[in-house]
Protein backbone atom coordinates (compact mmCIF):
# COMPACT_ATOMS: atom_id res chain seq x y z
CA MET A 1 -40.72 54.23 -3.34
CA ALA A 2 -38.63 53.99 0.27
CA TYR A 3 -37.92 50.38 0.97
CA ALA A 4 -39.22 48.55 3.18
CA HIS A 5 -35.87 46.66 4.76
CA PRO A 6 -34.85 44.40 8.32
CA SER A 7 -33.37 45.90 11.16
CA ASN A 8 -29.94 45.25 10.29
CA ALA A 9 -29.29 46.69 7.19
CA ALA A 10 -27.74 49.59 5.79
CA VAL A 11 -30.47 52.89 4.88
CA CYS A 12 -29.63 55.81 2.71
CA ARG A 13 -31.23 58.57 4.66
CA CYS A 14 -34.18 59.05 1.75
CA GLY A 15 -34.58 55.19 1.36
CA GLN A 16 -33.71 54.31 -2.31
CA THR A 17 -30.57 52.62 -1.39
CA ALA A 18 -30.38 49.87 0.73
CA ILE A 19 -27.93 46.95 2.00
CA ASP A 20 -28.85 43.97 3.49
CA LEU A 21 -26.88 42.98 6.92
CA ALA A 22 -26.71 39.15 7.68
CA GLY A 23 -25.22 38.48 11.63
CA ALA A 24 -23.00 40.69 13.50
CA PRO A 25 -20.35 43.08 12.56
CA ILE A 26 -16.90 41.92 13.04
CA GLN A 27 -16.53 44.71 15.29
CA SER A 28 -17.27 48.80 16.02
CA VAL A 29 -14.86 51.49 15.60
CA THR A 30 -14.56 55.65 15.47
CA CYS A 31 -11.14 56.09 13.39
CA TYR A 32 -9.63 59.04 13.20
CA CYS A 33 -6.88 58.58 10.08
CA GLU A 34 -6.55 61.46 8.53
CA SER A 35 -8.69 59.87 5.17
CA CYS A 36 -11.13 59.39 6.54
CA ARG A 37 -11.91 62.84 8.25
CA THR A 38 -10.77 63.72 5.10
CA ALA A 39 -13.79 62.13 3.14
CA GLY A 40 -16.25 62.45 5.57
CA HIS A 41 -15.98 66.27 5.12
CA ALA A 42 -15.90 66.77 1.78
CA PHE A 43 -19.19 64.58 1.90
CA GLU A 44 -20.45 67.07 3.68
CA HIS A 45 -19.46 69.98 2.47
CA ASP A 46 -19.94 68.60 -1.61
CA LEU A 47 -22.87 66.98 -1.07
CA GLY A 48 -24.58 67.63 1.01
CA ALA A 49 -24.28 64.37 3.67
CA PRO A 50 -25.18 64.40 6.99
CA ARG A 51 -22.32 65.51 9.78
CA THR A 52 -19.95 62.72 9.22
CA VAL A 53 -17.33 63.47 11.20
CA HIS A 54 -17.35 64.19 14.68
CA ALA A 55 -16.33 66.76 16.79
CA ASP A 56 -13.14 65.46 17.84
CA GLY A 57 -12.24 63.93 14.23
CA GLY A 58 -13.81 60.06 15.08
CA VAL A 59 -16.00 58.46 12.44
CA ASP A 60 -18.20 55.97 13.26
CA TYR A 61 -17.84 52.71 11.18
CA CYS A 62 -19.07 48.91 11.83
CA LEU A 63 -17.21 46.11 10.19
CA TYR A 64 -19.27 43.44 8.26
CA ARG A 65 -17.83 40.20 6.55
CA LYS A 66 -18.53 40.85 2.32
CA ASP A 67 -20.07 37.60 2.30
CA ARG A 68 -22.59 38.73 3.86
CA VAL A 69 -23.32 42.29 2.54
CA ARG A 70 -26.03 42.37 -0.12
CA ILE A 71 -27.10 45.35 -2.41
CA ALA A 72 -30.78 44.84 -1.75
CA HIS A 73 -32.29 47.86 -3.60
CA GLY A 74 -31.18 51.08 -5.44
CA ALA A 75 -27.51 49.74 -6.26
CA GLN A 76 -28.11 52.63 -9.98
CA ASN A 77 -27.33 54.92 -6.64
CA LEU A 78 -24.48 54.02 -5.38
CA ARG A 79 -20.82 56.25 -6.54
CA ASP A 80 -17.88 55.43 -6.04
CA TYR A 81 -15.36 58.12 -4.02
CA ARG A 82 -11.87 57.87 -3.97
CA LEU A 83 -9.22 60.40 -2.75
CA LYS A 84 -6.50 59.21 -4.85
CA PRO A 85 -7.75 57.54 -8.27
CA ASP A 86 -5.83 54.15 -7.67
CA SER A 87 -6.08 54.40 -4.08
CA PRO A 88 -7.43 50.44 -2.86
CA THR A 89 -10.26 52.47 -0.11
CA ARG A 90 -13.29 53.47 -2.52
CA ARG A 91 -15.49 55.18 -0.72
CA VAL A 92 -19.46 54.57 -1.89
CA VAL A 93 -22.46 56.98 -1.04
CA ALA A 94 -25.79 57.17 -1.77
CA GLY A 95 -26.01 59.52 -4.91
CA CYS A 96 -29.59 59.91 -4.72
CA CYS A 97 -29.36 61.80 -1.16
CA GLY A 98 -25.52 61.73 -0.32
CA SER A 99 -25.61 59.18 2.22
CA PRO A 100 -22.20 58.19 3.20
CA MET A 101 -23.39 54.30 2.67
CA PHE A 102 -19.74 52.46 3.22
CA LEU A 103 -16.21 52.13 2.73
CA ASP A 104 -15.07 48.93 0.89
CA PHE A 105 -10.67 48.25 0.81
CA ALA A 106 -10.51 46.44 -2.28
CA PRO A 107 -8.21 43.67 -1.37
CA GLY A 108 -10.19 43.00 2.49
CA HIS A 109 -12.61 40.55 3.10
CA TRP A 110 -14.87 43.03 4.99
CA LEU A 111 -16.77 45.88 5.02
CA THR A 112 -16.82 48.91 6.34
CA VAL A 113 -20.33 50.63 6.87
CA PHE A 114 -21.29 53.96 8.06
CA ARG A 115 -22.28 53.50 11.38
CA ASP A 116 -24.51 56.34 11.08
CA ARG A 117 -26.39 53.75 8.17
CA LEU A 118 -27.60 51.17 10.45
CA SER A 119 -31.47 51.12 10.48
CA GLY A 120 -31.72 48.84 13.74
CA PRO A 121 -29.66 49.69 17.05
CA ALA A 122 -26.29 49.89 15.91
CA PRO A 123 -23.61 48.29 17.79
CA GLU A 124 -21.70 51.27 20.63
CA PRO A 125 -17.98 52.07 18.81
CA ARG A 126 -15.60 49.50 21.50
CA MET A 127 -12.04 51.24 20.18
CA ARG A 128 -10.88 54.42 18.68
CA ILE A 129 -8.23 53.77 16.39
CA MET A 130 -5.93 55.49 14.13
CA THR A 131 -5.60 58.50 16.91
CA LYS A 132 -2.49 59.00 16.49
CA ASP A 133 -4.16 60.90 13.53
CA ARG A 134 -6.52 62.64 15.23
CA PRO A 135 -6.50 66.75 14.80
CA GLU A 136 -4.51 68.47 17.49
CA GLY A 137 -5.34 69.39 20.94
CA VAL A 138 -8.28 66.93 20.53
CA ALA A 139 -7.86 64.67 24.25
CA LEU A 140 -10.16 61.20 23.93
CA SER A 141 -12.12 59.70 27.31
CA TYR A 142 -11.41 56.82 28.49
CA ALA A 143 -14.69 55.40 28.29
CA ILE A 144 -13.53 53.11 25.45
CA PRO A 145 -9.82 51.90 24.28
CA ALA A 146 -7.62 53.94 21.89
CA TYR A 147 -4.78 52.97 19.56
CA GLY A 148 -2.53 54.77 17.72
CA ALA A 149 -2.84 52.25 14.83
CA GLN A 150 -4.26 49.53 14.00
CA PRO A 151 -4.40 46.96 16.98
CA PRO A 152 -4.06 43.37 17.59
CA GLY A 153 -7.34 43.19 18.92
CA LEU A 154 -9.04 44.39 15.37
CA MET A 155 -6.35 42.65 13.06
CA PHE A 156 -7.05 39.01 15.04
CA LYS A 157 -10.89 39.16 14.45
CA LEU A 158 -10.33 40.46 11.49
CA LEU A 159 -8.06 37.02 10.46
CA TRP A 160 -10.32 34.99 12.54
CA ALA A 161 -13.64 36.44 10.12
CA TRP A 162 -11.34 35.34 7.32
CA ALA A 163 -10.88 32.12 8.26
CA ALA A 164 -14.18 31.86 8.70
CA MET A 165 -15.12 32.76 4.66
CA GLY A 166 -12.33 29.69 3.99
CA PHE A 167 -10.08 32.89 3.13
CA ARG A 168 -12.05 34.47 0.07
CA ARG A 169 -12.28 37.94 -0.37
CA PRO A 170 -16.04 38.25 -2.64
CA LYS A 171 -16.66 41.14 -4.28
CA ILE A 172 -19.10 44.18 -3.42
CA ALA A 173 -20.90 45.05 -7.01
CA TRP A 174 -23.70 46.79 -8.48
C-alpha cells in the first residue's frame, strides 16, 4: 500500500518508502562532481532507476538539516551504496523500486535529498557546484551561478544551519 505523505516528503516511485522533511531546505543545488555522476549512472543502469543525471552531467539535490528528517515509512527498503567501501558518503536507494533517495555524508549535519524525489513543489536549484568536474564540452547557461568547487556561500549556509542545530550531528538510521 502506498504511503499517504505530507507535501514536504521524499517518496520513492512506487510509494512504499517515504521520508518526512520538516521546513525548507538549506539550499537547492545541481552538482557536477564525478562521484555524483558515476553513482547516478550506476543507479540508472544497474537498478533501472529513473534518470538521475541530466544531459549536461548535473544531478539535482536539496540539502536538509538531519534533525528535520525522519524515515516515515519503508525503512526496510532502504539500501546503502558506496562508491568505495571506506567512503564517508553513502548513497541510499529504495530497494522496492530502485529510486535514489538521498546522500548521507556521515560526518555532516545535513542530508542531501534527490530533488526529483520531493513530493511537493521542489525549489529550483539556486546554484551549480563542482562544475570543474562537468563532462568535457558542456557549456552552462548563466541562469544560475556556477562554481568550480563548493562556494563560500553554500559553506556559510551549512555552517549557519549547523549552529542553529547546536552543532549536533544527528545520525540517519533505519
